[in-house]
Amino acid sequence: MFGREWAAGDGAIAGCRFGEVVITDPVVTARSGSGRHPFPSPGSSSWIEGSVFSLGTADLAARR
């Protein structure tokens, strides 16, 4: 990402779970290879585990 390796830490989004949306647009399904796509959805006692990357203003400015 942004032309270099990034250190990642463990993280989670509390109060969310993965939902699923069905996409029927043939262009989208041809590009992604699937008609079903996950998205975060509210779920009070759930969480989505993943990775956290720290980006600073200088990192974002360098991308422009």
C-alpha atoms as a PDB file:
ATOM      1  CA  MET A   1       0.000   0.000   0.000  1.00  0.00           C
ATOM      2  CA  PHE A   2       1.376   3.456  -0.923  1.00  0.00           C
ATOM      3  CA  GLY A   3       4.452   1.808  -2.443  1.00  0.00           C
ATOM      4  CA  ARG A   4       5.932   0.317   0.712  1.00  0.00           C
ATOM      5  CA  GLU A   5       5.472  -2.397   3.306  1.00  0.00           C
ATOM      6  CA  TRP A   6       3.373  -1.565   6.355  1.00  0.00           C
ATOM      7  CA  ALA A   7       3.415  -3.042   9.825  1.00  0.00           C
ATOM      8  CA  ALA A   8       0.015  -4.358  10.810  1.00  0.00           C
ATOM      9  CA  GLY A   9      -1.418  -4.862  14.265  1.00  0.00           C
ATOM     10  CA  ASP A  10      -4.395  -6.893  15.377  1.00  0.00           C
ATOM     11  CA  GLY A  11      -7.650  -4.993  15.548  1.00  0.00           C
ATOM     12  CA  ALA A  12     -11.401  -5.368  15.572  1.00  0.00           C
ATOM     13  CA  ILE A  13     -14.501  -3.341  14.814  1.00  0.00           C
ATOM     14  CA  ALA A  14     -16.774  -3.740  17.830  1.00  0.00           C
ATOM     15  CA  GLY A  15     -20.514  -3.742  17.377  1.00  0.00           C
ATOM     16  CA  CYS A  16     -20.348  -5.055  13.805  1.00  0.00           C
ATOM     17  CA  ARG A  17     -20.677  -8.364  12.022  1.00  0.00           C
ATOM     18  CA  PHE A  18     -20.330  -9.370   8.406  1.00  0.00           C
ATOM     19  CA  GLY A  19     -23.513  -9.156   6.388  1.00  0.00           C
ATOM     20  CA  GLU A  20     -23.857 -10.124   2.759  1.00  0.00           C
ATOM     21  CA  VAL A  21     -25.222  -8.271  -0.226  1.00  0.00           C
ATOM     22  CA  VAL A  22     -26.215  -9.928  -3.479  1.00  0.00           C
ATOM     23  CA  ILE A  23     -25.035  -8.145  -6.634  1.00  0.00           C
ATOM     24  CA  THR A  24     -26.809  -8.969  -9.873  1.00  0.00           C
ATOM     25  CA  ASP A  25     -24.975  -6.587 -12.208  1.00  0.00           C
ATOM     26  CA  PRO A  26     -23.192  -8.891 -14.701  1.00  0.00           C
ATOM     27  CA  VAL A  27     -20.220  -6.510 -15.051  1.00  0.00           C
ATOM     28  CA  VAL A  28     -19.609  -6.540 -11.292  1.00  0.00           C
ATOM     29  CA  THR A  29     -20.017 -10.299 -10.953  1.00  0.00           C
ATOM     30  CA  ALA A  30     -17.703 -10.900 -13.945  1.00  0.00           C
ATOM     31  CA  ARG A  31     -14.974  -8.734 -12.389  1.00  0.00           C
ATOM     32  CA  SER A  32     -15.278 -10.083  -8.866  1.00  0.00           C
ATOM     33  CA  GLY A  33     -16.114 -13.673  -9.713  1.00  0.00           C
ATOM     34  CA  SER A  34     -19.025 -13.675  -7.278  1.00  0.00           C
ATOM     35  CA  GLY A  35     -22.519 -12.330  -6.900  1.00  0.00           C
ATOM     36  CA  ARG A  36     -22.246 -12.226  -3.108  1.00  0.00           C
ATOM     37  CA  HIS A  37     -20.135  -9.664  -1.272  1.00  0.00           C
ATOM     38  CA  PRO A  38     -19.508  -9.171   2.475  1.00  0.00           C
ATOM     39  CA  PHE A  39     -19.991  -5.812   4.174  1.00  0.00           C
ATOM     40  CA  PRO A  40     -19.934  -4.636   7.798  1.00  0.00           C
ATOM     41  CA  SER A  41     -23.352  -4.501   9.393  1.00  0.00           C
ATOM     42  CA  PRO A  42     -24.435  -3.456  12.912  1.00  0.00           C
ATOM     43  CA  GLY A  43     -24.484  -6.364  15.359  1.00  0.00           C
ATOM     44  CA  SER A  44     -24.428  -5.228  18.987  1.00  0.00           C
ATOM     45  CA  SER A  45     -22.640  -8.205  20.550  1.00  0.00           C
ATOM     46  CA  SER A  46     -20.434  -9.042  17.569  1.00  0.00           C
ATOM     47  CA  TRP A  47     -17.136  -7.819  16.152  1.00  0.00           C
ATOM     48  CA  ILE A  48     -15.112  -8.132  12.957  1.00  0.00           C
ATOM     49  CA  GLU A  49     -11.481  -9.095  13.490  1.00  0.00           C
ATOM     50  CA  GLY A  50      -8.813  -7.808  11.142  1.00  0.00           C
ATOM     51  CA  SER A  51      -5.645  -5.761  10.855  1.00  0.00           C
ATOM     52  CA  VAL A  52      -4.914  -2.147  11.735  1.00  0.00           C
ATOM     53  CA  PHE A  53      -2.552   0.067   9.737  1.00  0.00           C
ATOM     54  CA  SER A  54      -1.463   3.496  10.991  1.00  0.00           C
ATOM     55  CA  LEU A  55      -1.442   6.200   8.307  1.00  0.00           C
ATOM     56  CA  GLY A  56      -0.339   9.731   8.964  1.00  0.00           C
ATOM     57  CA  THR A  57      -0.992  12.953   7.089  1.00  0.00           C
ATOM     58  CA  ALA A  58       2.407  12.719   5.380  1.00  0.00           C
ATOM     59  CA  ASP A  59       1.552   9.227   4.106  1.00  0.00           C
ATOM     60  CA  LEU A  60      -1.715  10.452   2.616  1.00  0.00           C
ATOM     61  CA  ALA A  61      -0.140  13.591   1.161  1.00  0.00           C
ATOM     62  CA  ALA A  62       2.562  11.490  -0.541  1.00  0.00           C
ATOM     63  CA  ARG A  63      -0.174   9.535  -2.338  1.00  0.00           C
ATOM     64  CA  ARG A  64      -1.514  12.617  -4.152  1.00  0.00           C
END
